[in-house]
C-alpha cells in the first residue's frame, strides 16, 4: 500500500483521537503531556499527602488548644458576662478580665487592697480611688493623690470553653535609685 503524498500526517493522528480538541487546546495539551510525570511527581504527591495527614493528626490530638507560650487561666464561664472580674495571676499581679459590650479583653494590674471593678467609662479600684479609662490608661480621680500605673493589656483567646492568656515577658528588676 502506498501512502498518499497529498494526505497530511498530522490529520491522521487527529483522526485517531477519541474526542475533538480545538487547535489551540490541542497545542496546549501537547505542551503539558509532552513528557510523562514519572516517579518524582508520584513521590512528591505522596510526601505532601503525608505532611497534610500528620498536620491534621497533630491538630486533632492538640484539641484546638493554643500551645506555648499561652497559659490557661480558667473556664471562661467563671468570668461573668457583661462584667469586669479580677482573678489572681502571678505573684504581685492580678488579671482583670473585661467582658462588657460583647468583647473579651484582659489587663494585668498590681495587687491592691481591693479588686479592680468596671466603672462607667473604664475601670476603678474604689478603696484607693484609682481610676483608669477604657483602654487602661490612668485617669485623674478626686480622691487619688497620684495617678496609678497603667493597666497592661495582654492578648487572650478562648479555646474549648477555657480562657488562655499570652503572658508578657517578665520584667527584669532594675536597681532602685541612682549611683
N, C-alpha and C. Protein backbone atom coordinates (compact mmCIF):
# COMPACT_ATOMS: atom_id res chain seq x y z
N UNK A 1 0.81 -1.18 0.00
CA UNK A 1 0.00 0.00 0.00
C UNK A 1 0.86 1.25 0.00
N UNK A 2 0.61 2.10 -0.87
CA UNK A 2 1.37 3.33 -0.99
C UNK A 2 0.67 4.44 -0.22
N UNK A 3 1.48 5.29 0.37
CA UNK A 3 0.93 6.43 1.12
C UNK A 3 0.57 7.52 0.14
N UNK A 4 -0.48 8.20 0.47
CA UNK A 4 -0.92 9.31 -0.36
C UNK A 4 -0.07 10.53 0.00
N UNK A 5 0.71 11.07 -0.90
CA UNK A 5 1.57 12.20 -0.59
C UNK A 5 0.78 13.48 -0.33
N UNK A 6 -0.44 13.55 -0.77
CA UNK A 6 -1.23 14.76 -0.55
C UNK A 6 -1.90 14.75 0.82
N UNK A 7 -1.86 13.61 1.49
CA UNK A 7 -2.53 13.49 2.80
C UNK A 7 -1.61 14.04 3.91
N UNK A 8 -2.15 14.84 4.81
CA UNK A 8 -1.40 15.46 5.91
C UNK A 8 -1.24 14.45 7.05
N UNK A 9 0.01 14.14 7.51
CA UNK A 9 0.20 13.15 8.59
C UNK A 9 -0.37 13.62 9.93
N UNK A 10 -0.40 14.92 10.19
CA UNK A 10 -0.99 15.40 11.45
C UNK A 10 -2.48 15.16 11.49
N UNK A 11 -3.10 15.16 10.32
CA UNK A 11 -4.53 14.89 10.24
C UNK A 11 -4.81 13.44 10.59
N UNK A 12 -3.90 12.52 10.22
CA UNK A 12 -4.08 11.11 10.56
C UNK A 12 -4.09 10.93 12.07
N UNK A 13 -3.18 11.61 12.78
CA UNK A 13 -3.15 11.50 14.24
C UNK A 13 -4.40 12.11 14.86
N UNK A 14 -4.89 13.19 14.30
CA UNK A 14 -6.10 13.83 14.82
C UNK A 14 -7.30 12.91 14.66
N UNK A 15 -7.33 12.16 13.57
CA UNK A 15 -8.46 11.25 13.37
C UNK A 15 -8.42 10.08 14.34
N UNK A 16 -7.24 9.74 14.89
CA UNK A 16 -7.12 8.64 15.84
C UNK A 16 -7.60 9.04 17.23
N UNK A 17 -7.71 10.31 17.52
CA UNK A 17 -8.15 10.76 18.84
C UNK A 17 -9.61 10.39 19.04
N UNK A 18 -9.96 10.21 20.34
CA UNK A 18 -11.33 9.83 20.63
C UNK A 18 -12.25 11.05 20.76
N UNK A 19 -11.68 12.22 20.99
CA UNK A 19 -12.51 13.42 21.14
C UNK A 19 -11.87 14.55 20.36
N UNK A 20 -12.69 15.48 19.94
CA UNK A 20 -12.21 16.62 19.18
C UNK A 20 -11.64 17.66 20.14
N UNK A 21 -10.49 18.21 19.82
CA UNK A 21 -9.91 19.32 20.55
C UNK A 21 -9.67 20.46 19.56
N UNK A 22 -10.08 21.64 19.91
CA UNK A 22 -9.78 22.77 19.03
C UNK A 22 -8.27 22.91 18.88
N UNK A 23 -7.80 23.53 17.83
CA UNK A 23 -6.35 23.62 17.58
C UNK A 23 -5.55 24.22 18.74
N UNK A 24 -6.06 25.27 19.37
CA UNK A 24 -5.32 25.89 20.49
C UNK A 24 -5.23 24.94 21.67
N UNK A 25 -6.34 24.22 21.97
CA UNK A 25 -6.34 23.27 23.07
C UNK A 25 -5.42 22.10 22.77
N UNK A 26 -5.40 21.66 21.54
CA UNK A 26 -4.53 20.54 21.16
C UNK A 26 -3.07 20.93 21.35
N UNK A 27 -2.73 22.16 21.01
CA UNK A 27 -1.35 22.63 21.17
C UNK A 27 -0.98 22.68 22.66
N UNK A 28 -1.88 23.19 23.50
CA UNK A 28 -1.63 23.25 24.94
C UNK A 28 -1.49 21.84 25.51
N UNK A 29 -2.32 20.93 25.04
CA UNK A 29 -2.25 19.55 25.52
C UNK A 29 -0.91 18.93 25.17
N UNK A 30 -0.40 19.24 24.01
CA UNK A 30 0.91 18.71 23.61
C UNK A 30 2.00 19.24 24.53
N UNK A 31 1.92 20.51 24.90
CA UNK A 31 2.93 21.09 25.79
C UNK A 31 2.89 20.43 27.16
N UNK A 32 1.70 20.19 27.67
CA UNK A 32 1.56 19.62 29.01
C UNK A 32 1.96 18.15 29.02
N UNK A 33 1.54 17.40 28.05
CA UNK A 33 1.75 15.96 28.06
C UNK A 33 2.95 15.52 27.24
N UNK A 34 3.84 16.44 26.89
CA UNK A 34 4.98 16.09 26.07
C UNK A 34 5.85 15.05 26.77
N UNK A 35 6.01 15.15 28.08
CA UNK A 35 6.79 14.15 28.81
C UNK A 35 5.94 13.61 29.95
N UNK A 36 6.21 12.39 30.34
CA UNK A 36 5.47 11.79 31.44
C UNK A 36 5.95 12.39 32.75
N UNK A 37 5.08 12.39 33.74
CA UNK A 37 5.43 12.99 35.02
C UNK A 37 6.45 12.14 35.77
N UNK A 38 6.28 10.85 35.79
CA UNK A 38 7.28 9.96 36.35
C UNK A 38 7.25 9.83 37.85
N UNK A 39 8.22 9.08 38.38
CA UNK A 39 8.32 8.74 39.79
C UNK A 39 8.52 9.95 40.70
N UNK A 40 9.33 10.94 40.36
CA UNK A 40 9.49 12.09 41.26
C UNK A 40 8.16 12.79 41.59
N UNK A 41 7.29 12.92 40.60
CA UNK A 41 5.98 13.54 40.85
C UNK A 41 5.14 12.68 41.77
N UNK A 42 5.19 11.39 41.60
CA UNK A 42 4.42 10.48 42.45
C UNK A 42 4.93 10.57 43.89
N UNK A 43 6.24 10.58 44.07
CA UNK A 43 6.80 10.68 45.42
C UNK A 43 6.48 12.04 46.06
N UNK A 44 6.54 13.10 45.28
CA UNK A 44 6.21 14.43 45.82
C UNK A 44 4.75 14.49 46.26
N UNK A 45 3.85 13.93 45.47
CA UNK A 45 2.43 13.93 45.85
C UNK A 45 2.22 13.11 47.12
N UNK A 46 2.89 11.97 47.23
CA UNK A 46 2.76 11.14 48.43
C UNK A 46 3.32 11.86 49.65
N UNK A 47 4.43 12.56 49.49
CA UNK A 47 5.03 13.30 50.60
C UNK A 47 4.11 14.42 51.08
N UNK A 48 3.54 15.19 50.15
CA UNK A 48 2.61 16.26 50.54
C UNK A 48 1.37 15.69 51.23
N UNK A 49 0.88 14.59 50.75
CA UNK A 49 -0.25 13.94 51.40
C UNK A 49 0.09 13.52 52.82
N UNK A 50 1.28 13.00 53.03
CA UNK A 50 1.72 12.59 54.36
C UNK A 50 1.86 13.79 55.29
N UNK A 51 2.40 14.90 54.78
CA UNK A 51 2.54 16.11 55.60
C UNK A 51 1.17 16.62 56.03
N UNK A 52 0.22 16.63 55.14
CA UNK A 52 -1.14 17.08 55.48
C UNK A 52 -1.77 16.15 56.50
N UNK A 53 -1.57 14.86 56.37
CA UNK A 53 -2.11 13.89 57.31
C UNK A 53 -1.51 14.09 58.71
N UNK A 54 -0.20 14.26 58.80
CA UNK A 54 0.46 14.47 60.09
C UNK A 54 -0.02 15.77 60.73
N UNK A 55 -0.15 16.83 59.95
CA UNK A 55 -0.64 18.11 60.50
C UNK A 55 -2.06 17.95 61.03
N UNK A 56 -2.91 17.24 60.33
CA UNK A 56 -4.27 17.02 60.79
C UNK A 56 -4.32 16.22 62.08
N UNK A 57 -3.50 15.19 62.19
CA UNK A 57 -3.46 14.37 63.40
C UNK A 57 -2.96 15.20 64.57
N UNK A 58 -1.92 16.00 64.36
CA UNK A 58 -1.42 16.86 65.44
C UNK A 58 -2.47 17.85 65.90
N UNK A 59 -3.21 18.42 64.97
CA UNK A 59 -4.26 19.38 65.34
C UNK A 59 -5.34 18.69 66.16
N UNK A 60 -5.73 17.48 65.76
CA UNK A 60 -6.77 16.77 66.50
C UNK A 60 -6.30 16.34 67.88
N UNK A 61 -5.05 15.92 67.99
CA UNK A 61 -4.52 15.49 69.28
C UNK A 61 -4.42 16.69 70.22
N UNK A 62 -4.00 17.82 69.69
CA UNK A 62 -3.87 19.03 70.49
C UNK A 62 -5.23 19.54 70.94
N UNK A 63 -6.27 19.22 70.21
CA UNK A 63 -7.62 19.59 70.61
C UNK A 63 -7.97 21.04 70.41
N UNK A 64 -7.25 21.76 69.57
CA UNK A 64 -7.58 23.15 69.32
C UNK A 64 -7.12 24.09 70.41
N UNK A 65 -6.41 23.58 71.40
CA UNK A 65 -5.91 24.44 72.47
C UNK A 65 -4.62 25.11 72.01
N UNK A 66 -4.43 26.38 72.39
CA UNK A 66 -3.19 27.04 71.98
C UNK A 66 -2.00 26.45 72.75
N UNK A 67 -0.88 26.39 72.10
CA UNK A 67 0.33 25.87 72.74
C UNK A 67 1.11 26.98 73.43
N UNK A 68 2.33 26.66 73.77
CA UNK A 68 3.20 27.63 74.43
C UNK A 68 3.36 28.85 73.53
N UNK A 69 3.42 30.01 74.06
CA UNK A 69 3.54 30.42 75.45
C UNK A 69 2.20 30.67 76.14
N UNK A 70 1.08 30.36 75.49
CA UNK A 70 -0.24 30.61 76.07
C UNK A 70 -0.42 29.81 77.37
N UNK A 71 -1.02 30.45 78.37
CA UNK A 71 -1.28 29.82 79.66
C UNK A 71 -2.78 29.78 79.90
N UNK A 72 -3.26 28.66 80.42
CA UNK A 72 -4.69 28.53 80.75
C UNK A 72 -4.96 29.31 82.02
N UNK A 73 -5.98 30.16 81.97
CA UNK A 73 -6.38 30.95 83.14
C UNK A 73 -7.50 30.23 83.89
N UNK A 74 -8.48 29.73 83.16
CA UNK A 74 -9.62 29.03 83.76
C UNK A 74 -10.79 29.02 82.80
N UNK A 75 -11.89 28.41 83.23
CA UNK A 75 -13.07 28.38 82.35
C UNK A 75 -13.58 29.80 82.12
N UNK A 76 -13.93 30.11 80.89
CA UNK A 76 -14.41 31.45 80.57
C UNK A 76 -15.73 31.73 81.28
N UNK A 77 -16.47 30.69 81.62
CA UNK A 77 -17.74 30.86 82.33
C UNK A 77 -17.53 31.41 83.75
N UNK A 78 -16.32 31.27 84.29
CA UNK A 78 -16.07 31.79 85.64
C UNK A 78 -15.90 33.31 85.65
N UNK A 79 -15.83 33.92 84.47
CA UNK A 79 -15.77 35.37 84.35
C UNK A 79 -17.12 35.85 83.84
N UNK A 80 -17.85 36.55 84.69
CA UNK A 80 -19.23 36.93 84.41
C UNK A 80 -19.34 37.71 83.10
N UNK A 81 -20.31 37.32 82.27
CA UNK A 81 -20.56 38.01 81.01
C UNK A 81 -21.14 39.39 81.32
N UNK A 82 -20.63 40.41 80.66
CA UNK A 82 -21.12 41.77 80.85
C UNK A 82 -20.54 42.45 82.07
N UNK A 83 -19.46 41.90 82.64
CA UNK A 83 -18.88 42.47 83.85
C UNK A 83 -17.37 42.46 83.79
N UNK A 84 -16.76 43.11 84.77
CA UNK A 84 -15.31 43.10 84.94
C UNK A 84 -15.01 42.23 86.16
N UNK A 85 -14.10 41.28 85.99
CA UNK A 85 -13.75 40.35 87.06
C UNK A 85 -12.25 40.35 87.25
N UNK A 86 -11.81 40.33 88.50
CA UNK A 86 -10.38 40.26 88.79
C UNK A 86 -10.07 38.87 89.31
N UNK A 87 -8.96 38.29 88.82
CA UNK A 87 -8.53 36.96 89.25
C UNK A 87 -7.05 37.01 89.58
N UNK A 88 -6.60 36.19 90.54
CA UNK A 88 -5.16 36.16 90.84
C UNK A 88 -4.39 35.62 89.64
N UNK A 89 -3.17 36.12 89.46
CA UNK A 89 -2.36 35.65 88.34
C UNK A 89 -0.99 35.24 88.85
N UNK A 90 -0.01 36.08 88.75
CA UNK A 90 1.33 35.79 89.26
C UNK A 90 1.53 36.52 90.58
N UNK A 91 2.63 36.21 91.23
CA UNK A 91 2.94 36.90 92.49
C UNK A 91 3.01 38.40 92.24
N UNK A 92 2.21 39.15 92.97
CA UNK A 92 2.22 40.60 92.84
C UNK A 92 1.35 41.15 91.72
N UNK A 93 0.71 40.27 90.94
CA UNK A 93 -0.12 40.73 89.83
C UNK A 93 -1.49 40.04 89.87
N UNK A 94 -2.45 40.74 89.32
CA UNK A 94 -3.79 40.19 89.16
C UNK A 94 -4.22 40.38 87.71
N UNK A 95 -5.12 39.54 87.28
CA UNK A 95 -5.65 39.61 85.92
C UNK A 95 -7.04 40.21 85.99
N UNK A 96 -7.27 41.27 85.22
CA UNK A 96 -8.58 41.91 85.14
C UNK A 96 -9.18 41.52 83.80
N UNK A 97 -10.31 40.80 83.83
CA UNK A 97 -10.98 40.33 82.62
C UNK A 97 -12.23 41.17 82.41
N UNK A 98 -12.31 41.81 81.25
CA UNK A 98 -13.43 42.68 80.91
C UNK A 98 -14.27 42.00 79.83
N UNK A 99 -15.52 41.63 80.19
CA UNK A 99 -16.42 41.00 79.22
C UNK A 99 -17.62 41.90 78.92
N UNK A 100 -17.44 43.19 79.05
CA UNK A 100 -18.54 44.12 78.76
C UNK A 100 -18.63 44.40 77.28
N UNK A 101 -19.81 44.70 76.81
CA UNK A 101 -20.02 45.09 75.42
C UNK A 101 -19.77 43.99 74.41
N UNK A 102 -19.89 42.74 74.81
CA UNK A 102 -19.71 41.63 73.88
C UNK A 102 -18.27 41.36 73.48
N UNK A 103 -17.32 41.98 74.19
CA UNK A 103 -15.91 41.76 73.89
C UNK A 103 -15.24 41.03 75.05
N UNK A 104 -14.05 40.57 74.82
CA UNK A 104 -13.26 39.91 75.85
C UNK A 104 -11.87 40.52 75.81
N UNK A 105 -11.54 41.23 76.88
CA UNK A 105 -10.22 41.86 76.98
C UNK A 105 -9.65 41.52 78.35
N UNK A 106 -8.33 41.59 78.45
CA UNK A 106 -7.68 41.32 79.73
C UNK A 106 -6.54 42.30 79.96
N UNK A 107 -6.33 42.60 81.24
CA UNK A 107 -5.27 43.52 81.65
C UNK A 107 -4.58 42.94 82.87
N UNK A 108 -3.30 43.27 83.04
CA UNK A 108 -2.58 42.93 84.26
C UNK A 108 -2.46 44.18 85.10
N UNK A 109 -2.62 43.99 86.42
CA UNK A 109 -2.55 45.10 87.36
C UNK A 109 -1.85 44.61 88.62
N UNK A 110 -1.18 45.52 89.33
CA UNK A 110 -0.56 45.16 90.60
C UNK A 110 -1.65 44.86 91.62
N UNK A 111 -1.37 43.90 92.51
CA UNK A 111 -2.34 43.61 93.56
C UNK A 111 -2.60 44.87 94.38
N UNK A 112 -3.82 45.01 94.82
CA UNK A 112 -4.19 46.15 95.64
C UNK A 112 -5.02 45.71 96.82
N UNK A 113 -5.44 46.67 97.62
CA UNK A 113 -6.22 46.34 98.82
C UNK A 113 -7.64 45.93 98.48
N UNK A 114 -8.11 46.22 97.27
CA UNK A 114 -9.42 45.76 96.82
C UNK A 114 -9.36 45.49 95.32
N UNK A 115 -10.32 44.75 94.77
CA UNK A 115 -10.25 44.40 93.34
C UNK A 115 -10.59 45.59 92.43
N UNK A 116 -10.10 45.48 91.21
CA UNK A 116 -10.45 46.44 90.17
C UNK A 116 -11.83 46.05 89.65
N UNK A 117 -12.71 47.04 89.50
CA UNK A 117 -14.08 46.80 89.03
C UNK A 117 -14.34 47.66 87.80
N UNK A 118 -15.44 47.37 87.14
CA UNK A 118 -15.83 48.18 85.99
C UNK A 118 -16.43 49.49 86.44
N UNK A 119 -16.08 50.55 85.76
CA UNK A 119 -16.66 51.86 86.00
C UNK A 119 -17.39 52.27 84.73
N UNK A 120 -18.16 53.35 84.80
CA UNK A 120 -18.96 53.76 83.65
C UNK A 120 -18.12 54.00 82.40
N UNK A 121 -16.93 54.55 82.55
CA UNK A 121 -16.09 54.85 81.39
C UNK A 121 -14.73 54.18 81.47
N UNK A 122 -14.62 53.07 82.18
CA UNK A 122 -13.34 52.38 82.27
C UNK A 122 -13.30 51.44 83.46
N UNK A 123 -12.28 51.62 84.29
CA UNK A 123 -12.05 50.74 85.44
C UNK A 123 -11.75 51.58 86.67
N UNK A 124 -11.97 50.99 87.85
CA UNK A 124 -11.69 51.71 89.09
C UNK A 124 -11.34 50.72 90.19
N UNK A 125 -10.54 51.18 91.14
CA UNK A 125 -10.28 50.46 92.39
C UNK A 125 -10.84 51.39 93.47
N UNK A 126 -12.10 51.14 93.88
CA UNK A 126 -12.80 52.09 94.73
C UNK A 126 -12.13 52.38 96.08
N UNK A 127 -11.50 51.41 96.69
CA UNK A 127 -10.94 51.64 98.03
C UNK A 127 -9.76 52.60 98.01
N UNK A 128 -9.06 52.72 96.90
CA UNK A 128 -7.91 53.62 96.82
C UNK A 128 -8.21 54.86 95.97
N UNK A 129 -9.34 54.87 95.28
CA UNK A 129 -9.70 55.99 94.43
C UNK A 129 -8.98 55.98 93.08
N UNK A 130 -8.33 54.86 92.73
CA UNK A 130 -7.63 54.77 91.45
C UNK A 130 -8.65 54.57 90.33
N UNK A 131 -8.40 55.25 89.19
CA UNK A 131 -9.32 55.18 88.06
C UNK A 131 -8.50 55.05 86.77
N UNK A 132 -9.02 54.24 85.86
CA UNK A 132 -8.41 54.06 84.54
C UNK A 132 -9.49 54.25 83.48
N UNK A 133 -9.09 54.69 82.29
CA UNK A 133 -10.07 54.82 81.21
C UNK A 133 -10.31 53.44 80.59
N UNK A 134 -11.10 53.40 79.52
CA UNK A 134 -11.48 52.12 78.93
C UNK A 134 -10.31 51.37 78.28
N UNK A 135 -9.20 52.07 78.01
CA UNK A 135 -8.01 51.43 77.42
C UNK A 135 -6.97 51.08 78.47
N UNK A 136 -7.27 51.36 79.75
CA UNK A 136 -6.34 51.04 80.83
C UNK A 136 -5.37 52.15 81.17
N UNK A 137 -5.53 53.33 80.57
CA UNK A 137 -4.66 54.45 80.89
C UNK A 137 -5.14 55.11 82.18
N UNK A 138 -4.22 55.57 83.03
CA UNK A 138 -4.62 56.23 84.27
C UNK A 138 -5.43 57.49 83.99
N UNK A 139 -6.42 57.70 84.82
CA UNK A 139 -7.26 58.89 84.70
C UNK A 139 -7.26 59.61 86.05
N UNK A 140 -7.32 60.92 86.02
CA UNK A 140 -7.35 61.65 87.30
C UNK A 140 -8.65 61.35 88.06
N UNK A 141 -8.51 61.23 89.36
CA UNK A 141 -9.67 60.97 90.22
C UNK A 141 -9.61 61.92 91.40
N UNK A 142 -10.79 62.31 91.92
CA UNK A 142 -10.81 63.29 93.01
C UNK A 142 -10.10 62.80 94.28
N UNK A 143 -10.23 61.51 94.64
CA UNK A 143 -9.66 61.01 95.89
C UNK A 143 -8.20 60.59 95.77
N UNK A 144 -7.71 60.36 94.56
CA UNK A 144 -6.34 59.86 94.38
C UNK A 144 -5.33 60.98 94.53
N UNK A 145 -4.23 60.67 95.22
CA UNK A 145 -3.17 61.67 95.38
C UNK A 145 -2.21 61.66 94.20
N UNK A 146 -2.12 60.51 93.50
CA UNK A 146 -1.26 60.43 92.31
C UNK A 146 -1.91 59.47 91.32
N UNK A 147 -1.45 59.52 90.09
CA UNK A 147 -2.00 58.62 89.08
C UNK A 147 -1.48 57.20 89.29
N UNK A 148 -2.34 56.20 89.12
CA UNK A 148 -1.88 54.81 89.27
C UNK A 148 -1.10 54.38 88.03
N UNK A 149 -0.35 53.29 88.14
CA UNK A 149 0.32 52.78 86.93
C UNK A 149 -0.74 52.27 85.95
N UNK A 150 -0.45 52.32 84.66
CA UNK A 150 -1.46 51.87 83.69
C UNK A 150 -1.72 50.37 83.79
N UNK A 151 -2.92 49.98 83.38
CA UNK A 151 -3.23 48.56 83.25
C UNK A 151 -2.51 48.07 81.99
N UNK A 152 -1.89 46.90 82.07
CA UNK A 152 -1.16 46.37 80.91
C UNK A 152 -2.06 45.39 80.16
N UNK A 153 -2.43 45.74 78.94
CA UNK A 153 -3.27 44.87 78.11
C UNK A 153 -2.48 43.62 77.73
N UNK A 154 -3.13 42.46 77.80
CA UNK A 154 -2.50 41.20 77.40
C UNK A 154 -3.43 40.47 76.45
N UNK A 155 -2.88 39.79 75.43
CA UNK A 155 -3.72 39.04 74.49
C UNK A 155 -4.36 37.84 75.17
N UNK A 156 -5.64 37.63 74.88
CA UNK A 156 -6.36 36.46 75.39
C UNK A 156 -7.12 35.80 74.25
N UNK A 157 -7.43 34.51 74.43
CA UNK A 157 -8.23 33.77 73.48
C UNK A 157 -9.03 32.73 74.24
N UNK A 158 -10.09 32.25 73.61
CA UNK A 158 -10.92 31.20 74.20
C UNK A 158 -10.79 29.96 73.33
N UNK A 159 -10.52 28.83 73.97
CA UNK A 159 -10.43 27.56 73.26
C UNK A 159 -11.11 26.50 74.11
N UNK A 160 -12.11 25.85 73.52
CA UNK A 160 -12.87 24.79 74.20
C UNK A 160 -13.39 25.23 75.57
N UNK A 161 -13.88 26.44 75.62
CA UNK A 161 -14.51 26.94 76.85
C UNK A 161 -13.54 27.45 77.90
N UNK A 162 -12.24 27.43 77.61
CA UNK A 162 -11.25 27.91 78.57
C UNK A 162 -10.63 29.21 78.07
N UNK A 163 -10.27 30.07 79.02
CA UNK A 163 -9.62 31.33 78.71
C UNK A 163 -8.11 31.11 78.77
N UNK A 164 -7.41 31.53 77.71
CA UNK A 164 -5.96 31.43 77.64
C UNK A 164 -5.37 32.82 77.51
N UNK A 165 -4.21 33.01 78.13
CA UNK A 165 -3.54 34.29 78.17
C UNK A 165 -2.14 34.12 77.59
N UNK A 166 -1.74 35.04 76.72
CA UNK A 166 -0.38 35.06 76.21
C UNK A 166 0.40 36.00 77.12
N UNK A 167 1.18 35.44 78.05
CA UNK A 167 1.79 36.29 79.07
C UNK A 167 2.87 37.20 78.50
N UNK A 168 2.96 38.40 79.05
CA UNK A 168 4.04 39.29 78.62
C UNK A 168 5.35 38.78 79.20
N UNK A 169 6.46 39.15 78.59
CA UNK A 169 7.74 38.74 79.18
C UNK A 169 7.89 39.35 80.56
N UNK A 170 8.50 38.61 81.45
CA UNK A 170 8.69 39.14 82.81
C UNK A 170 9.67 40.30 82.75
N UNK A 171 9.36 41.30 83.52
CA UNK A 171 10.20 42.50 83.54
C UNK A 171 11.40 42.25 84.44
N UNK A 172 12.61 42.54 83.94
CA UNK A 172 13.77 42.39 84.82
C UNK A 172 13.72 43.45 85.91
N UNK A 173 14.09 43.07 87.09
CA UNK A 173 14.10 44.01 88.22
C UNK A 173 15.32 44.90 88.12
N UNK A 174 15.10 46.19 87.97
CA UNK A 174 16.21 47.14 87.88
C UNK A 174 16.64 47.60 89.26
N UNK A 175 17.79 48.23 89.34
CA UNK A 175 18.25 48.76 90.63
C UNK A 175 17.45 50.00 90.95
N UNK A 176 17.11 50.13 92.19
CA UNK A 176 16.39 51.32 92.64
C UNK A 176 17.40 52.42 92.96
N UNK A 177 17.06 53.61 92.58
CA UNK A 177 17.93 54.74 92.87
C UNK A 177 19.06 54.85 91.87
N UNK A 178 19.87 55.83 91.98
CA UNK A 178 20.98 56.03 91.06
C UNK A 178 22.30 55.87 91.76
N UNK A 179 23.35 55.78 91.00
CA UNK A 179 24.64 55.74 91.67
C UNK A 179 25.70 55.09 90.93
